Amino acid sequence: MLEKLLENWLDSASERSYQAVFVQMLAADGYRVLHSTRHCTLEYGKDVLAVAPDGVGCAFQLKGDPRGRMNVESFRKMQTQVVQLLTQRPSFPGFPAGPYRAYLVSNGEFNEEVQVAAREINDSSYPAMLELWSRGTLLDLCKRHAASLWPSEIADTKALLELYMTNAGDPLPVEILDGLLSSILSVPDRSLKSAELSRAVSSACWATGIGISRFAERGNHYAVAVGWMLCWSLIRATYVGKSRKISRIEEAVSICESAVLDALTELWEEVRERENLGEGSPLVDMDIFHWRVTVLVGLLSVLAFASVQRNVLGDESLAALAAWLISHKEKAELWGEGAVAQLFPWIAFKVSVRDHDEAKALLLTVLSQLIGRNLAGDETALPTPHYSFEEIKRDRIGVRKAAGLSLSDRETFRGSSYCAEALLRSATLLGYIDEVKALWPHFTKLGHRCFEFTSSEDYWTLRAQRGAEVTRIYPSTYEVAKLREEIVSSGSDVGVAAWPEDLWLVLMWWQVAPHRFNSSAACKVLSLSRSFEQSFESRGLSLCD
C-alpha cells in the first residue's frame, strides 16, 4: 500500500508540489540543504541548493512532468536554463567553493535522445557535469527513506490516506492534519530528544507535503498555505524550548515558511489576474462569496507584511497588492467570531499604511456588530472562533440539526464573546476613546472569555495541554488610564511573550487557528504594525496623513 501511494503521489505531482518532499528526502540521504526556491520574484537560478555527504555542492533544477517522457524538443527549449545550471556556479552563503554537481530532476522519464543530448553537453568544458534524475531515481529515494520518514502508527497512516483522498477543492481538513502531525511530533508530551525530534520533523514535513499535494495540484493555495503553516507551528511548539539549535530542524522550518509564502504569492497572482472573485454559478456562489472575500483580505494582508520583512514580491507587485488592499470594496462577512482573526490583519495593514479612517471604520464596525449580535439572542449570536465557516454554514442550513448535531444544542453563544475585548482594547490603543465610551455600556453586558496560557509553546498548538479558560465581567464604569495600563502589561503574557521575529507568521497562524486571536495578541500586533509605517512609506505605499 505504501509503495502504491508513493507511486500515485509521484505520478500526479507538479514541480512545486513535490519539491518540499524532495528536499526532505535529500536531508534524509545526508545532504545539507542550503536553499529551496520559493518560485517567486527572487530566486538564485536553481530550485534546490545542497551540500552532499562528501562535502561537494549540488544544484538541483526540478521539472514536473508526471506520467510523461521528456523528448529532445522539450529538452532543447530549456537548454539555456540547463547551460546556466552548468556554467553559473551558485553564489549562496555556505555553498562550497570548487567543482559542484548539477542535476536535472523530473518525476517523469527522459527519452534516449535526451540522455544522448545530456552526454553531449557533458563533453563540453563546463564547470559542472549534468546528471539526470528521473521518476525511477525519485521512487527509489522515496522507498529508501519511507521506513524512517513514513508515520509508523496505523492511525497516522489512515489519517494521511484520508487527507490525501479529501476533495482538493474544499478547505483543508485541519483537524485531520493536526492529529497526524501532533502524533508524529509527540506534541502533547513533547518527550522527544534531539535526534528523535529531528527525524520526527522530517517525517512531519514529508507527511505534510504528500498529504496536501492534491490541494496543490488543484491550485487550492489557501489549503496549501494553511497546511504548511500548521506544520510550522507544531514544529515550533516542540522545538522552541530546546537549548540548542538543530540544523536539520532549522532547515525544515525554513522549508515550511517558504512553502507558505509560495502559496500566498500564487494566490495573489491569481487574484490579480482575475476580473472578479466569483467561483462557478453565481446562484451557488452567493452563499460563500463574502466568506471568500474575508479569507482573501486576511491572507493577502499577511503577504503584504511578509513582503516587507522578506522581500517576497517585487516592488511593482507589492505596490499593486497594497493598492488592492487599500481600495478593495467587496463586502467581507462576519460569519462567526473566527472571522475577526481573518479581518484583523487587514486592519493592521491599514494602520501600517496610515489609512487611518478606513482602519477606524473597519475596526469599529466589526466591534459594534459583534457586541450587538451577541447581546441580541441565540439566533444572531456569533459562534465562537473554535467553529469553522463550514461547520457554521452547515448548521444554519439545517444539515447538522437534522443529524442531531446543532451547534446551539452544544453551547449558548449569546451573552459572551472571545473577541470583543481584543477589539475594544485595540480601539483604545489606537485612540478611539469617544467611540469606546459609547460602546462601553453594551460591552459590559457581555462575559469576555479567553484562554490563559501557562506555556508559550501551547500558543502554537490547536489544543493547549496546560492553562485555563477564564471569563471576565467588566464594571459599568472604568478608567481609561487603567485600561491602557492593562494593554501595556498584556505584552508580557505567556502566550505572546516568545513570538517569532516575523510578524507575518503570527498573522498567518491566526488564519489557521482563529481561537489564538486574543486581546494580548491583538494589541501586540497593532503595536508592532506601527513599526512598519516607515517601511511601507519608504516603498511609496503609505497614505499621507
Foldseek 3Di string as FASTA:
>chain_A
DVLVLVLVLLLQFFQLLCQLLVVLLQVVQPKQWDDADLPADDDQLARTWIAHNVGAIEGEHEGEDRQDEDEPVNCVVCVVSVLCQQAPDGDDPPHDDAAHEYEYEYLAHYDPNVVVVLVVVQVDPTSYRYDYHYNVNVSVSCVVCCVLQPDDDPLLVVLLVVLQPPDLVDARPLVSLQVNLCVLQVLLVLPDDPVSNLSSLSSNSNSLSSSNRVNVSVLVLNNQLLSLLLSLLSNCLSPVPDPDDDSSSVVSNVSSVSSNLSSLVSVLVVVVPDPDQFDDDCVVRVVCSQVVVLQNLLSLLLNLLCCLVPVRHDLVSSLVSLVCLLPPDPHHDCQALLSCLSCLSSLLSCVLQVVVVVSVVVLLVVLVQQLVQLAPDQVRHGHASVDDSVLSVCLVVPNCVVVVRHPVVVDGSHQAYACNLQSLLQCLVVPVVVSSLVCLQSVLSHWHKAWADPALSQLSHLDRNDTDIDTDHDDSDDDSVVSVVVLVVLLCGRNNNDDDPRLSSVSSSSSNRVNSDHNNNSSVSSVVSNVSNVSCVVSVSHDDD
